[in-house]
Amino acid sequence: ISAVPRYADNPIPEYPDDARRKGWAGEVRLQVLVDKGGEVDRISVEHSSGYSALDRAARRAVRLWKFIPATKAGHKVASEVVIPIDFHLPASGEAEVLQPE
């Protein structure tokens, strides 16, 4: 049982300019504790991208996210969910931040 992010309604993390210029890319996996109201209670980095700037950008954005709370026996409950955020630099050179649909 875990909360579900409202991906369509949540802000996509900003790709830090400095990281883009330096060609930094990678996936950050965040462990998020979601309260029974669907708000973020706590965030920790489960797996780093290898770049603190990307990790911080992911945390900063996800802290503002809203979730559909998990339910147990018909009642909303707090739960943990892992959120992958992929900072990607395609061949075009345009920075992308990919997240699950």
Protein backbone atom coordinates (compact mmCIF):
# COMPACT_ATOMS: atom_id res chain seq x y z
CA ILE A 1 0.00 0.00 0.00
CA SER A 2 1.53 3.29 -1.02
CA ALA A 3 0.56 6.78 -2.08
CA VAL A 4 0.34 7.67 -5.75
CA PRO A 5 1.92 10.88 -7.05
CA ARG A 6 -0.28 13.19 -9.09
CA TYR A 7 2.33 13.47 -11.85
CA ALA A 8 0.15 15.57 -14.14
CA ASP A 9 -0.46 18.15 -11.40
CA ASN A 10 3.00 18.30 -9.86
CA PRO A 11 5.87 20.57 -10.94
CA ILE A 12 8.66 18.98 -12.93
CA PRO A 13 12.05 19.58 -11.28
CA GLU A 14 14.10 22.34 -12.90
CA TYR A 15 17.31 21.21 -14.53
CA PRO A 16 20.01 23.32 -12.84
CA ASP A 17 21.74 25.55 -15.40
CA ASP A 18 25.20 24.78 -14.07
CA ALA A 19 24.54 21.02 -14.24
CA ARG A 20 23.28 21.32 -17.83
CA ARG A 21 26.34 23.33 -18.90
CA LYS A 22 28.66 20.77 -17.31
CA GLY A 23 26.79 17.87 -18.96
CA TRP A 24 25.68 16.32 -15.68
CA ALA A 25 22.89 13.79 -15.98
CA GLY A 26 21.55 10.94 -13.90
CA GLU A 27 18.64 9.44 -12.04
CA VAL A 28 17.74 10.40 -8.49
CA ARG A 29 15.49 8.07 -6.51
CA LEU A 30 13.75 9.78 -3.62
CA GLN A 31 12.15 7.95 -0.68
CA VAL A 32 9.09 10.04 0.21
CA LEU A 33 6.95 9.69 3.32
CA VAL A 34 3.45 10.87 2.39
CA ASP A 35 1.01 11.72 5.18
CA LYS A 36 -2.63 10.63 5.15
CA GLY A 37 -3.60 14.00 3.67
CA GLY A 38 -1.43 13.43 0.57
CA GLU A 39 1.25 15.93 1.61
CA VAL A 40 5.01 15.26 1.74
CA ASP A 41 6.12 14.65 5.30
CA ARG A 42 9.76 13.67 4.71
CA ILE A 43 12.12 13.13 1.77
CA SER A 44 15.43 11.31 1.65
CA VAL A 45 17.68 10.36 -1.26
CA GLU A 46 17.49 6.60 -1.71
CA HIS A 47 19.90 6.68 -4.67
CA SER A 48 21.93 9.71 -5.71
CA SER A 49 22.45 10.85 -9.27
CA GLY A 50 26.07 11.37 -8.33
CA TYR A 51 25.60 15.14 -8.45
CA SER A 52 24.37 17.04 -5.39
CA ALA A 53 22.90 19.81 -7.60
CA LEU A 54 20.60 17.32 -9.34
CA ASP A 55 19.68 15.64 -6.06
CA ARG A 56 18.79 19.03 -4.52
CA ALA A 57 16.69 20.05 -7.55
CA ALA A 58 14.71 16.81 -7.33
CA ARG A 59 14.13 17.20 -3.58
CA ARG A 60 13.14 20.86 -3.96
CA ALA A 61 10.44 20.03 -6.54
CA VAL A 62 9.08 16.86 -4.93
CA ARG A 63 8.72 18.63 -1.57
CA LEU A 64 5.87 20.62 -3.22
CA TRP A 65 4.13 17.60 -4.75
CA LYS A 66 0.66 16.36 -3.89
CA PHE A 67 -0.24 12.69 -3.70
CA ILE A 68 -3.31 10.52 -3.66
CA PRO A 69 -2.94 9.03 -0.17
CA ALA A 70 -2.70 5.30 0.37
CA THR A 71 -5.70 3.60 1.91
CA LYS A 72 -6.03 0.65 4.23
CA ALA A 73 -9.43 -0.81 5.06
CA GLY A 74 -11.04 2.26 3.48
CA HIS A 75 -9.07 4.76 5.58
CA LYS A 76 -6.35 7.12 4.37
CA VAL A 77 -2.95 6.24 5.84
CA ALA A 78 0.60 7.54 5.70
CA SER A 79 2.92 5.58 3.42
CA GLU A 80 6.28 5.66 1.71
CA VAL A 81 6.86 5.76 -2.02
CA VAL A 82 10.01 5.86 -4.15
CA ILE A 83 10.03 8.57 -6.83
CA PRO A 84 12.54 8.30 -9.70
CA ILE A 85 13.57 11.57 -11.34
CA ASP A 86 15.74 11.28 -14.45
CA PHE A 87 17.81 14.30 -15.46
CA HIS A 88 18.61 13.59 -19.09
CA LEU A 89 20.65 15.39 -21.76
CA PRO A 90 19.64 14.06 -25.20
CA ALA A 91 21.78 14.51 -28.31
CA SER A 92 19.91 17.73 -29.13
CA GLY A 93 21.57 19.34 -26.12
CA GLU A 94 18.22 20.37 -24.62
CA ALA A 95 17.91 19.35 -21.00
CA GLU A 96 15.00 17.10 -20.08
CA VAL A 97 13.66 15.93 -16.78
CA LEU A 98 11.84 12.65 -17.18
CA GLN A 99 9.43 11.21 -14.66
CA PRO A 100 6.99 8.30 -14.80
CA GLU A 101 3.60 9.00 -16.38
